[in-house]
Amino acid sequence: MTTATLGVEHFSETHWKSLRYFNLYRFVVASLLFTSALLYPSAFPFLSPNQSLQHLGLASAYLLSTALAVILAYRHRQHATMQLTASVLVDVLVMTLLIHVGGGLGSGLGSMLLVTLAGAGLVGQGRLVLFYAAMATLAVLFEHSYRALQDAVDVAGFFHAGLFSAGFFAVAVSARLLARRVIANEALALQRGVDLKNQTVISQRVIEEMQDGVVVLRRDGRVRQSNPRARQLLALDSSREDLLAEYSPELALGFVEWCRSGGEEVVLVRIPGSGMQLRARFAPTASSESDVLVFLEDLGRLQEQAQQLKLAALGRLTANIAHEIRNPLSAISHAGELLREERRGEMYERLLRIMLDNTKRLERIVSDVLELGRRDRTYREVINLRETLPLLIEEYLVKEKLPADVVHLELSGVAALCFDRSHFHQVLGNLLGNALRHSQRIAGSVCVVACDGKADTQVELHVIDDGEGVAAEQREHIFEPFFTTHHRGTGLGLYIARELCEANGALLELHGAGPGADFRMSGRATGCQ
């Protein structure tokens, strides 16, 4: 397809290739004509010896012109229409002269013009194809008219020439229409290819950016393809098609069960390589090899999203609590303090003390809930436990008016924790308060131990007391909100401590089952973000 923009001709690569093939065809024909005229003049019995020399000279000139056309088509990628027109006109001239030398259209050389016009129709553009057919028609009619002037008029010869002329136009127009259809189909295929490539790029980018893992499995359980998230979740090696069982036996077993039953059950698995708990869903595909898609979701991320929703609801709740409860509590507390100044007997004093104690308890609950609503505001930093823990423990013991030897501190290893400093103060305060409340409150009743964790960058902080420990039936409820075994407790201390740990990327759990309670906080020593 050719277009003109600002007078500059643009010829597509396909047309240039077609033009080169067309000129190569002409060069081959010219070579055969030259070889035949030079070595086998008897191949043209209708030629006289004098005409054989003329034929040789004409074939030589034709060979040189076609060789020049081939060179120009390969080296000079400009003025393609002019190159094609010159080639067609040369062919028309040479073939007409050969027809004349050979004794007219009866020599059979007229059919060569049909091939030339067909090639020009495939390569050329627009109305130039009709121009080429018209030039060939004029040349043939002129040659036959010149022959009729030299000899007697041959009416049948003119009829023969007319049929050839009609054939010239028919071949040229048909070739042009065929070329237009081919060009349109080529353009459509090219556009479809571009669209498909763009869609593939977009789909690939979407799959790569997905927060869920996508794995393509063969029916034999081998991993054919996977996106980056899936390779991260399963700790896959993208360069190999390994068996899924090598990375997750549980997931491979779930795949086998799915292949057997064909259901839509969701499989919950824990991956040994990454330590993550995943939710897997299998889906068949319509591929020729019946591959299976596996969609993997990180339950930790889902729980985090649920936690965010919970925090949003909690934020609205705490706002209402601050307005609806805290102000009346302040009024009640203030009124109680004023009534305490009056001395009306022992019963009056006892009832007033109960009222004020419960007012303070409600105030602590409100304060804890309000603090919990701000747990998503974390500013993590690396806390040096060797410097921070002694100061915090000393400050807490002074505040509670306890001897300095009640809490024993042990430090080893890195002794650094990535944590929000204010959150760390509150978590440690809650853990110390819980431990002291259930301990014997003698020297060494509470032991705080900071040591390295199992991983290289992990740190563990243990708060251990010498109390009776946590009963087996209470262990699974110990971190639930408003669960308490102390009559003056709010039931929010351990719950808030765990929530703050999760907000800082740490884990708080009840460790061990021996006498006394051992609360272990595990966090990172580096990598604060």
Protein backbone atom coordinates (compact mmCIF):
# COMPACT_ATOMS: atom_id res chain seq x y z
CA MET A 1 0.00 0.00 0.00
CA THR A 2 1.40 3.38 -0.95
CA THR A 3 0.38 6.76 0.41
CA ALA A 4 1.57 10.25 -0.26
CA THR A 5 2.20 12.65 2.60
CA LEU A 6 3.55 16.13 1.88
CA GLY A 7 4.73 14.92 -1.53
CA VAL A 8 6.83 12.10 -0.07
CA GLU A 9 6.02 8.60 -1.26
CA HIS A 10 5.76 5.88 1.40
CA PHE A 11 6.02 2.31 0.12
CA SER A 12 5.42 -0.49 2.59
CA GLU A 13 7.98 -3.22 3.17
CA THR A 14 5.61 -5.75 1.60
CA HIS A 15 5.43 -3.72 -1.62
CA TRP A 16 9.19 -3.32 -1.75
CA LYS A 17 9.56 -7.07 -1.37
CA SER A 18 6.99 -7.65 -4.12
CA LEU A 19 8.79 -5.18 -6.38
CA ARG A 20 12.09 -6.99 -5.82
CA TYR A 21 10.50 -10.35 -6.63
CA PHE A 22 8.91 -8.84 -9.75
CA ASN A 23 12.26 -7.53 -10.98
CA LEU A 24 13.94 -10.85 -10.15
CA TYR A 25 11.34 -12.59 -12.30
CA ARG A 26 12.07 -10.17 -15.14
CA PHE A 27 15.80 -10.78 -14.74
CA VAL A 28 15.27 -14.57 -14.96
CA VAL A 29 13.15 -14.18 -18.11
CA ALA A 30 15.75 -11.87 -19.66
CA SER A 31 18.51 -14.35 -18.81
CA LEU A 32 16.60 -17.19 -20.47
CA LEU A 33 15.93 -15.08 -23.58
CA PHE A 34 19.58 -14.07 -23.79
CA THR A 35 20.84 -17.62 -23.28
CA SER A 36 18.43 -18.98 -25.87
CA ALA A 37 19.36 -16.31 -28.44
CA LEU A 38 23.08 -16.86 -27.82
CA LEU A 39 23.35 -20.63 -27.52
CA TYR A 40 20.18 -22.03 -29.07
CA PRO A 41 19.02 -19.78 -31.90
CA SER A 42 17.22 -22.79 -33.35
CA ALA A 43 14.73 -22.52 -30.49
CA PHE A 44 13.13 -19.70 -32.54
CA PRO A 45 12.61 -21.29 -35.98
CA PHE A 46 10.58 -18.36 -37.17
CA LEU A 47 13.61 -16.08 -37.03
CA SER A 48 15.89 -15.55 -39.99
CA PRO A 49 19.67 -15.32 -39.46
CA ASN A 50 19.47 -11.53 -39.61
CA GLN A 51 16.59 -11.50 -37.15
CA SER A 52 18.51 -13.79 -34.82
CA LEU A 53 21.14 -11.09 -34.46
CA GLN A 54 18.46 -8.54 -33.76
CA HIS A 55 16.93 -10.89 -31.18
CA LEU A 56 20.32 -11.34 -29.50
CA GLY A 57 20.91 -7.60 -29.29
CA LEU A 58 17.42 -6.99 -27.92
CA ALA A 59 17.80 -9.78 -25.34
CA SER A 60 21.16 -8.32 -24.26
CA ALA A 61 19.67 -4.86 -23.76
CA TYR A 62 16.72 -6.37 -21.88
CA LEU A 63 19.07 -8.33 -19.61
CA LEU A 64 21.02 -5.20 -18.74
CA SER A 65 17.86 -3.22 -17.98
CA THR A 66 16.44 -5.92 -15.70
CA ALA A 67 19.78 -6.24 -13.87
CA LEU A 68 19.73 -2.47 -13.28
CA ALA A 69 16.12 -2.68 -12.04
CA VAL A 70 17.06 -5.41 -9.52
CA ILE A 71 19.98 -3.36 -8.22
CA LEU A 72 17.81 -0.25 -7.83
CA ALA A 73 15.08 -2.22 -6.03
CA TYR A 74 17.60 -3.48 -3.46
CA ARG A 75 19.84 -0.43 -3.08
CA HIS A 76 17.71 2.62 -3.91
CA ARG A 77 14.55 2.43 -1.79
CA GLN A 78 12.99 5.56 -3.25
CA HIS A 79 10.57 6.37 -6.07
CA ALA A 80 9.09 2.88 -6.15
CA THR A 81 6.27 3.89 -8.49
CA MET A 82 8.75 5.33 -10.99
CA GLN A 83 10.85 2.15 -10.81
CA LEU A 84 7.79 -0.04 -11.41
CA THR A 85 6.52 2.13 -14.28
CA ALA A 86 9.91 2.14 -15.96
CA SER A 87 10.14 -1.66 -15.62
CA VAL A 88 6.67 -2.21 -17.11
CA LEU A 89 7.31 0.18 -20.01
CA VAL A 90 10.61 -1.55 -20.76
CA ASP A 91 8.84 -4.91 -20.76
CA VAL A 92 6.10 -3.59 -23.06
CA LEU A 93 8.69 -2.19 -25.45
CA VAL A 94 10.92 -5.28 -25.46
CA MET A 95 8.07 -7.75 -25.77
CA THR A 96 6.46 -5.72 -28.54
CA LEU A 97 9.74 -5.69 -30.47
CA LEU A 98 10.16 -9.43 -29.89
CA ILE A 99 6.59 -9.96 -31.11
CA HIS A 100 7.39 -7.89 -34.20
CA VAL A 101 10.66 -9.74 -34.84
CA GLY A 102 8.92 -13.07 -34.22
CA GLY A 103 6.23 -12.41 -36.75
CA GLY A 104 3.35 -11.14 -34.67
CA LEU A 105 1.18 -12.49 -31.87
CA GLY A 106 1.26 -15.89 -33.49
CA SER A 107 4.79 -16.34 -32.10
CA GLY A 108 3.30 -16.78 -28.61
CA LEU A 109 5.38 -14.02 -27.04
CA GLY A 110 2.27 -11.93 -26.40
CA SER A 111 1.45 -14.04 -23.35
CA MET A 112 4.59 -12.66 -21.70
CA LEU A 113 2.89 -9.29 -21.54
CA LEU A 114 -0.01 -10.86 -19.64
CA VAL A 115 2.40 -12.07 -16.92
CA THR A 116 4.06 -8.65 -16.77
CA LEU A 117 0.72 -6.86 -16.37
CA ALA A 118 -0.39 -9.37 -13.71
CA GLY A 119 2.77 -8.69 -11.71
CA ALA A 120 2.38 -4.93 -12.15
CA GLY A 121 -1.25 -5.20 -10.98
CA LEU A 122 -0.14 -6.93 -7.79
CA VAL A 123 2.61 -4.42 -7.05
CA GLY A 124 1.24 -1.19 -8.55
CA GLN A 125 -1.24 1.25 -7.19
CA GLY A 126 -4.51 2.82 -8.27
CA ARG A 127 -5.09 3.81 -11.87
CA LEU A 128 -1.52 3.20 -12.93
CA VAL A 129 -2.52 -0.41 -13.50
CA LEU A 130 -4.96 0.74 -16.19
CA PHE A 131 -2.21 2.91 -17.64
CA TYR A 132 0.07 -0.13 -17.95
CA ALA A 133 -2.70 -2.14 -19.67
CA ALA A 134 -3.41 0.77 -22.01
CA MET A 135 0.26 1.10 -22.97
CA ALA A 136 0.47 -2.65 -23.68
CA THR A 137 -2.73 -2.43 -25.76
CA LEU A 138 -1.45 0.54 -27.77
CA ALA A 139 1.88 -1.18 -28.35
CA VAL A 140 0.26 -4.40 -29.63
CA LEU A 141 -2.22 -2.52 -31.85
CA PHE A 142 0.51 -0.25 -33.17
CA GLU A 143 2.72 -3.26 -33.98
CA HIS A 144 -0.13 -5.04 -35.79
CA SER A 145 -1.13 -1.85 -37.66
CA TYR A 146 2.48 -1.34 -38.77
CA ARG A 147 2.58 -4.96 -39.94
CA ALA A 148 -0.73 -4.46 -41.84
CA LEU A 149 0.73 -1.42 -43.64
CA GLN A 150 3.73 -3.48 -44.72
CA ASP A 151 1.65 -6.49 -45.87
CA ALA A 152 -1.99 -7.17 -46.67
CA VAL A 153 -4.58 -6.30 -44.02
CA ASP A 154 -5.34 -9.31 -41.79
CA VAL A 155 -8.76 -8.90 -40.20
CA ALA A 156 -8.33 -12.04 -38.10
CA GLY A 157 -5.03 -10.67 -36.80
CA PHE A 158 -6.75 -7.49 -35.60
CA PHE A 159 -9.38 -9.62 -33.88
CA HIS A 160 -6.59 -11.61 -32.24
CA ALA A 161 -4.90 -8.38 -31.13
CA GLY A 162 -8.22 -7.08 -29.75
CA LEU A 163 -8.67 -10.21 -27.65
CA PHE A 164 -5.17 -9.81 -26.28
CA SER A 165 -5.86 -6.16 -25.46
CA ALA A 166 -9.05 -7.09 -23.60
CA GLY A 167 -7.03 -9.72 -21.76
CA PHE A 168 -4.48 -7.07 -20.78
CA PHE A 169 -7.14 -5.00 -19.03
CA ALA A 170 -8.83 -8.05 -17.51
CA VAL A 171 -5.57 -9.40 -16.07
CA ALA A 172 -4.43 -6.00 -14.81
CA VAL A 173 -7.75 -5.17 -13.12
CA SER A 174 -8.13 -8.67 -11.64
CA ALA A 175 -4.59 -8.61 -10.27
CA ARG A 176 -5.21 -5.18 -8.77
CA LEU A 177 -8.44 -6.29 -7.08
CA LEU A 178 -6.70 -9.37 -5.75
CA ALA A 179 -3.84 -7.22 -4.47
CA ARG A 180 -6.27 -4.89 -2.71
CA ARG A 181 -7.92 -7.82 -0.99
CA VAL A 182 -4.56 -9.26 0.03
CA ILE A 183 -3.41 -5.85 1.30
CA ALA A 184 -6.63 -5.39 3.27
CA ASN A 185 -6.30 -8.85 4.80
CA GLU A 186 -2.65 -8.18 5.60
CA ALA A 187 -3.49 -4.87 7.26
CA LEU A 188 -6.29 -6.54 9.22
CA ALA A 189 -4.01 -9.37 10.29
CA LEU A 190 -1.34 -6.85 11.27
CA GLN A 191 -3.83 -4.84 13.32
CA ARG A 192 -5.18 -7.98 14.93
CA GLY A 193 -1.62 -8.99 15.75
CA VAL A 194 -0.96 -5.59 17.34
CA ASP A 195 -4.21 -5.79 19.31
CA LEU A 196 -3.38 -9.30 20.44
CA LYS A 197 0.10 -8.24 21.47
CA ASN A 198 -1.26 -5.26 23.40
CA GLN A 199 -3.87 -7.44 25.08
CA THR A 200 -1.21 -10.00 25.95
CA VAL A 201 1.03 -7.30 27.43
CA ILE A 202 -1.85 -5.87 29.46
CA SER A 203 -2.97 -9.31 30.65
CA GLN A 204 0.59 -10.21 31.57
CA ARG A 205 0.98 -6.96 33.52
CA VAL A 206 -2.33 -7.52 35.32
CA ILE A 207 -1.31 -11.07 36.25
CA GLU A 208 2.09 -9.90 37.44
CA GLU A 209 0.58 -7.13 39.59
CA MET A 210 -2.12 -9.33 41.10
CA GLN A 211 -2.04 -9.66 44.87
CA ASP A 212 -3.21 -13.26 44.47
CA GLY A 213 -1.00 -16.02 43.12
CA VAL A 214 -1.86 -17.74 39.83
CA VAL A 215 -0.34 -21.11 38.91
CA VAL A 216 -0.93 -23.14 35.74
CA LEU A 217 -0.64 -26.87 36.48
CA ARG A 218 -0.32 -29.78 34.12
CA ARG A 219 -2.52 -32.76 34.80
CA ASP A 220 0.52 -34.62 36.09
CA GLY A 221 1.00 -32.01 38.82
CA ARG A 222 3.88 -30.11 37.23
CA VAL A 223 3.97 -26.33 37.36
CA ARG A 224 3.77 -24.96 33.82
CA GLN A 225 3.52 -21.22 34.56
CA SER A 226 3.20 -18.93 37.56
CA ASN A 227 3.03 -15.23 38.27
CA PRO A 228 5.53 -13.45 40.58
CA ARG A 229 3.12 -13.46 43.52
CA ALA A 230 2.63 -17.24 43.25
CA ARG A 231 6.39 -17.78 43.10
CA GLN A 232 6.73 -15.69 46.24
CA LEU A 233 3.97 -17.54 48.09
CA LEU A 234 5.16 -21.02 47.11
CA ALA A 235 8.90 -20.24 46.92
CA LEU A 236 8.85 -21.54 43.32
CA ASP A 237 11.77 -21.69 40.92
CA SER A 238 10.47 -20.06 37.72
CA SER A 239 13.20 -21.60 35.54
CA ARG A 240 11.98 -25.19 36.02
CA GLU A 241 8.75 -27.12 35.65
CA ASP A 242 8.94 -29.00 38.96
CA LEU A 243 6.30 -31.08 40.63
CA LEU A 244 4.01 -29.12 42.91
CA ALA A 245 4.58 -31.72 45.64
CA GLU A 246 8.20 -30.55 45.95
CA TYR A 247 7.01 -27.16 47.20
CA SER A 248 3.75 -28.00 48.98
CA PRO A 249 2.70 -31.62 49.63
CA GLU A 250 -0.58 -30.38 51.12
CA LEU A 251 -1.44 -28.39 48.00
CA ALA A 252 -0.45 -31.30 45.76
CA LEU A 253 -2.72 -33.59 47.77
CA GLY A 254 -5.54 -31.08 47.44
CA PHE A 255 -4.96 -31.01 43.67
CA VAL A 256 -5.19 -34.81 43.49
CA GLU A 257 -8.43 -34.74 45.48
CA TRP A 258 -9.83 -32.05 43.20
CA CYS A 259 -8.93 -34.05 40.08
CA ARG A 260 -10.73 -37.04 41.59
CA SER A 261 -13.88 -35.24 42.72
CA GLY A 262 -13.98 -32.21 40.39
CA GLY A 263 -15.62 -30.08 43.06
CA GLU A 264 -15.14 -26.42 43.90
CA GLU A 265 -13.90 -26.80 47.45
CA VAL A 266 -11.38 -24.34 48.85
CA VAL A 267 -8.20 -25.90 50.21
CA LEU A 268 -6.35 -24.36 53.18
CA VAL A 269 -2.64 -25.18 53.19
CA ARG A 270 0.54 -24.00 54.88
CA ILE A 271 3.60 -23.66 52.65
CA PRO A 272 6.85 -24.99 54.20
CA GLY A 273 9.10 -22.74 52.08
CA SER A 274 7.43 -19.41 52.92
CA GLY A 275 5.59 -20.39 56.13
CA MET A 276 2.43 -18.71 54.85
CA GLN A 277 -1.07 -20.07 55.19
CA LEU A 278 -2.85 -19.97 51.84
CA ARG A 279 -6.31 -20.55 50.49
CA ALA A 280 -6.20 -22.42 47.16
CA ARG A 281 -8.96 -22.73 44.56
CA PHE A 282 -8.71 -24.93 41.45
CA ALA A 283 -10.36 -24.14 38.11
CA PRO A 284 -10.24 -26.12 34.84
CA THR A 285 -9.27 -24.50 31.53
CA ALA A 286 -10.26 -25.13 27.91
CA SER A 287 -6.64 -25.49 26.77
CA SER A 288 -5.65 -28.34 24.48
CA GLU A 289 -3.78 -30.05 27.32
CA SER A 290 -6.54 -29.48 29.92
CA ASP A 291 -4.31 -27.42 32.19
CA VAL A 292 -5.63 -26.36 35.61
CA LEU A 293 -5.52 -22.89 37.12
CA VAL A 294 -4.74 -22.58 40.81
CA PHE A 295 -5.64 -19.31 42.51
CA LEU A 296 -3.74 -18.69 45.75
CA GLU A 297 -4.78 -16.16 48.38
CA ASP A 298 -2.68 -15.19 51.37
CA LEU A 299 -4.86 -15.63 54.41
CA GLY A 300 -2.60 -13.28 56.33
CA ARG A 301 -3.41 -10.51 53.86
CA LEU A 302 -7.11 -11.33 54.05
CA GLN A 303 -6.96 -11.22 57.82
CA GLU A 304 -5.15 -7.90 57.61
CA GLN A 305 -7.90 -6.50 55.39
CA ALA A 306 -10.50 -7.75 57.84
CA GLN A 307 -8.47 -6.15 60.60
CA GLN A 308 -8.53 -2.84 58.77
CA LEU A 309 -12.32 -3.04 58.50
CA LYS A 310 -12.48 -3.87 62.17
CA LEU A 311 -10.30 -0.89 62.99
CA ALA A 312 -12.50 1.41 60.94
CA ALA A 313 -15.57 0.22 62.83
CA LEU A 314 -13.67 0.46 66.10
CA GLY A 315 -12.67 4.03 65.29
CA ARG A 316 -16.31 5.01 64.89
CA LEU A 317 -17.17 3.17 68.10
CA THR A 318 -14.44 4.87 70.11
CA ALA A 319 -15.57 8.27 68.87
CA ASN A 320 -19.04 7.57 70.20
CA ILE A 321 -17.59 6.25 73.45
CA ALA A 322 -15.53 9.39 73.92
CA HIS A 323 -18.60 11.56 73.50
CA GLU A 324 -21.30 9.47 75.16
CA ILE A 325 -19.42 7.85 78.06
CA ARG A 326 -16.30 9.78 78.95
CA ASN A 327 -18.00 13.09 79.63
CA PRO A 328 -20.66 11.59 81.97
CA LEU A 329 -17.92 9.60 83.72
CA SER A 330 -15.97 12.75 84.35
CA ALA A 331 -19.06 14.39 85.84
CA ILE A 332 -19.73 11.39 88.08
CA SER A 333 -16.12 11.23 89.20
CA HIS A 334 -16.05 14.92 89.98
CA ALA A 335 -19.31 14.68 91.92
CA GLY A 336 -17.92 11.72 93.89
CA GLU A 337 -14.82 13.68 94.84
CA LEU A 338 -17.02 16.51 96.12
CA LEU A 339 -19.15 14.08 98.13
CA ARG A 340 -16.02 12.55 99.68
CA GLU A 341 -15.39 15.82 101.45
CA GLU A 342 -18.54 15.23 103.49
CA ARG A 343 -18.28 12.80 106.40
CA ARG A 344 -21.58 10.95 106.88
CA GLY A 345 -20.61 7.61 108.36
CA GLU A 346 -18.91 4.36 107.46
CA MET A 347 -21.68 3.04 105.17
CA TYR A 348 -21.70 6.28 103.23
CA GLU A 349 -17.92 6.13 102.82
CA ARG A 350 -18.01 2.49 101.62
CA LEU A 351 -20.69 3.17 99.01
CA LEU A 352 -18.86 6.25 97.82
CA ARG A 353 -15.61 4.27 97.51
CA ILE A 354 -17.37 1.61 95.41
CA MET A 355 -18.77 4.27 93.12
CA LEU A 356 -15.40 5.98 92.61
CA ASP A 357 -13.53 2.70 92.08
CA ASN A 358 -15.94 1.57 89.39
CA THR A 359 -15.82 5.01 87.82
CA LYS A 360 -12.03 4.71 87.54
CA ARG A 361 -12.40 1.22 86.11
CA LEU A 362 -14.76 2.50 83.43
CA GLU A 363 -12.35 5.34 82.73
CA ARG A 364 -9.52 2.84 82.19
CA ILE A 365 -11.72 0.80 79.82
CA VAL A 366 -12.54 3.90 77.80
CA SER A 367 -8.87 4.92 77.69
CA ASP A 368 -7.84 1.44 76.55
CA VAL A 369 -10.47 1.34 73.81
CA LEU A 370 -9.49 4.80 72.61
CA GLU A 371 -5.84 3.74 72.50
CA LEU A 372 -6.81 0.63 70.54
CA GLY A 373 -8.51 2.78 67.95
CA ARG A 374 -5.16 4.47 67.28
CA ARG A 375 -3.17 1.22 66.79
CA ASP A 376 -2.80 1.77 63.04
CA ARG A 377 -0.66 4.88 63.62
CA THR A 378 2.74 3.29 63.91
CA TYR A 379 6.12 5.00 63.61
CA ARG A 380 8.58 2.15 63.82
CA GLU A 381 12.18 2.55 64.85
CA VAL A 382 14.95 0.29 66.05
CA ILE A 383 14.72 0.21 69.87
CA ASN A 384 17.89 -0.69 71.77
CA LEU A 385 16.58 -3.06 74.42
CA ARG A 386 19.80 -2.85 76.48
CA GLU A 387 19.09 0.83 77.09
CA THR A 388 15.29 0.90 77.04
CA LEU A 389 14.28 -2.13 79.13
CA PRO A 390 16.11 -1.20 82.36
CA LEU A 391 14.63 2.30 82.28
CA LEU A 392 11.08 1.10 81.59
CA ILE A 393 11.22 -1.58 84.29
CA GLU A 394 12.62 0.85 86.85
CA GLU A 395 9.98 3.43 85.98
CA TYR A 396 7.18 0.88 86.29
CA LEU A 397 8.40 -0.44 89.66
CA VAL A 398 8.67 3.08 91.05
CA LYS A 399 5.17 3.86 89.83
CA GLU A 400 3.75 0.70 91.44
CA LYS A 401 5.89 1.19 94.59
CA LEU A 402 7.51 -2.23 94.34
CA PRO A 403 11.05 -3.34 95.30
CA ALA A 404 13.64 -3.14 92.53
CA ASP A 405 14.47 -6.87 92.75
CA VAL A 406 10.94 -8.08 91.96
CA VAL A 407 11.70 -7.99 88.23
CA HIS A 408 14.82 -9.76 86.94
CA LEU A 409 16.20 -8.73 83.53
CA GLU A 410 18.29 -10.93 81.19
CA LEU A 411 19.72 -9.60 77.90
CA SER A 412 21.59 -11.52 75.22
CA GLY A 413 22.18 -11.47 71.48
CA VAL A 414 21.21 -8.52 69.29
CA ALA A 415 18.76 -7.05 71.85
CA ALA A 416 17.20 -4.66 69.33
CA LEU A 417 13.56 -4.51 68.24
CA CYS A 418 11.83 -2.75 65.36
CA PHE A 419 8.77 -1.24 67.05
CA ASP A 420 6.83 1.95 67.64
CA ARG A 421 8.31 3.34 70.86
CA SER A 422 5.04 4.46 72.47
CA HIS A 423 3.41 1.16 71.53
CA PHE A 424 6.34 -0.75 73.00
CA HIS A 425 5.99 1.14 76.30
CA GLN A 426 2.30 0.25 76.45
CA VAL A 427 2.81 -3.42 75.51
CA LEU A 428 5.57 -3.90 78.08
CA GLY A 429 3.51 -2.08 80.71
CA ASN A 430 0.52 -4.36 80.09
CA LEU A 431 2.68 -7.49 80.20
CA LEU A 432 4.46 -6.40 83.39
CA GLY A 433 1.19 -5.44 85.03
CA ASN A 434 -0.34 -8.80 84.14
CA ALA A 435 2.72 -10.70 85.37
CA LEU A 436 2.97 -8.78 88.66
CA ARG A 437 -0.75 -9.18 89.30
CA HIS A 438 -0.45 -12.98 89.21
CA SER A 439 3.05 -13.32 90.74
CA GLN A 440 4.13 -13.74 94.34
CA ARG A 441 5.78 -10.30 94.31
CA ILE A 442 9.02 -11.49 95.86
CA ALA A 443 12.56 -11.12 94.56
CA GLY A 444 12.76 -12.48 90.98
CA SER A 445 9.02 -13.19 90.72
CA VAL A 446 8.97 -11.69 87.23
CA CYS A 447 11.71 -12.39 84.71
CA VAL A 448 12.12 -10.37 81.52
CA VAL A 449 14.33 -12.10 78.94
CA ALA A 450 15.47 -10.58 75.61
CA CYS A 451 17.24 -13.00 73.23
CA ASP A 452 17.68 -13.85 69.58
CA GLY A 453 14.89 -15.72 67.84
CA LYS A 454 15.00 -18.70 65.49
CA ALA A 455 15.56 -16.56 62.39
CA ASP A 456 18.68 -14.41 61.98
CA THR A 457 16.78 -11.12 62.13
CA GLN A 458 14.26 -12.13 64.78
CA VAL A 459 14.25 -11.09 68.43
CA GLU A 460 12.20 -12.59 71.27
CA LEU A 461 11.09 -10.85 74.44
CA HIS A 462 9.74 -13.08 77.24
CA VAL A 463 7.85 -11.86 80.31
CA ILE A 464 7.66 -14.77 82.79
CA ASP A 465 6.03 -14.81 86.23
CA ASP A 466 6.06 -17.34 89.10
CA GLY A 467 2.30 -17.48 89.52
CA GLU A 468 -0.01 -20.42 89.04
CA GLY A 469 -0.04 -20.04 85.27
CA VAL A 470 -2.99 -20.07 82.89
CA ALA A 471 -5.48 -22.92 83.12
CA ALA A 472 -5.81 -25.11 80.03
CA GLU A 473 -9.45 -24.12 79.47
CA GLN A 474 -8.51 -20.42 79.58
CA ARG A 475 -5.48 -20.47 77.25
CA GLU A 476 -7.48 -20.04 74.05
CA HIS A 477 -9.48 -17.15 75.53
CA ILE A 478 -6.62 -15.26 77.16
CA PHE A 479 -6.29 -12.73 74.30
CA GLU A 480 -10.02 -12.16 73.80
CA PRO A 481 -11.31 -8.65 74.63
CA PHE A 482 -12.97 -8.19 78.03
CA PHE A 483 -11.81 -11.63 79.20
CA THR A 484 -10.31 -11.35 82.67
CA THR A 485 -9.82 -13.46 85.77
CA HIS A 486 -9.22 -10.48 88.04
CA HIS A 487 -12.13 -8.63 89.57
CA ARG A 488 -10.47 -5.26 89.02
CA GLY A 489 -9.17 -5.95 85.51
CA THR A 490 -10.68 -4.52 82.34
CA GLY A 491 -9.99 -7.58 80.17
CA LEU A 492 -8.37 -5.42 77.50
CA GLY A 493 -4.70 -5.41 78.53
CA LEU A 494 -3.51 -8.55 76.74
CA TYR A 495 -5.89 -7.97 73.84
CA ILE A 496 -4.49 -4.48 73.24
CA ALA A 497 -0.92 -5.74 73.68
CA ARG A 498 -1.42 -8.35 70.95
CA GLU A 499 -3.14 -5.87 68.64
CA LEU A 500 -0.29 -3.39 69.02
CA CYS A 501 2.24 -6.15 68.35
CA GLU A 502 0.43 -7.11 65.13
CA ALA A 503 0.38 -3.46 64.07
CA ASN A 504 4.17 -3.44 64.40
CA GLY A 505 4.71 -6.72 62.58
CA ALA A 506 5.34 -8.70 65.77
CA LEU A 507 3.64 -11.71 67.33
CA LEU A 508 2.52 -12.04 70.96
CA GLU A 509 1.60 -15.48 72.26
CA LEU A 510 1.38 -17.51 75.43
CA HIS A 511 4.45 -19.74 75.37
CA GLY A 512 4.93 -23.01 77.21
CA ALA A 513 2.59 -24.84 79.55
CA GLY A 514 4.60 -25.05 82.78
CA PRO A 515 3.97 -23.33 86.10
CA GLY A 516 3.78 -19.59 85.71
CA ALA A 517 2.88 -17.72 82.52
CA ASP A 518 5.40 -17.05 79.76
CA PHE A 519 4.28 -14.39 77.29
CA ARG A 520 6.60 -14.29 74.27
CA MET A 521 6.78 -11.36 71.86
CA SER A 522 8.60 -12.11 68.56
CA GLY A 523 9.61 -9.28 66.23
CA ARG A 524 12.21 -8.10 63.74
CA ALA A 525 15.49 -6.54 64.78
CA THR A 526 15.92 -4.71 61.45
CA GLY A 527 13.91 -3.67 58.40
CA CYS A 528 11.73 -0.94 59.93
CA GLN A 529 9.39 0.61 57.35
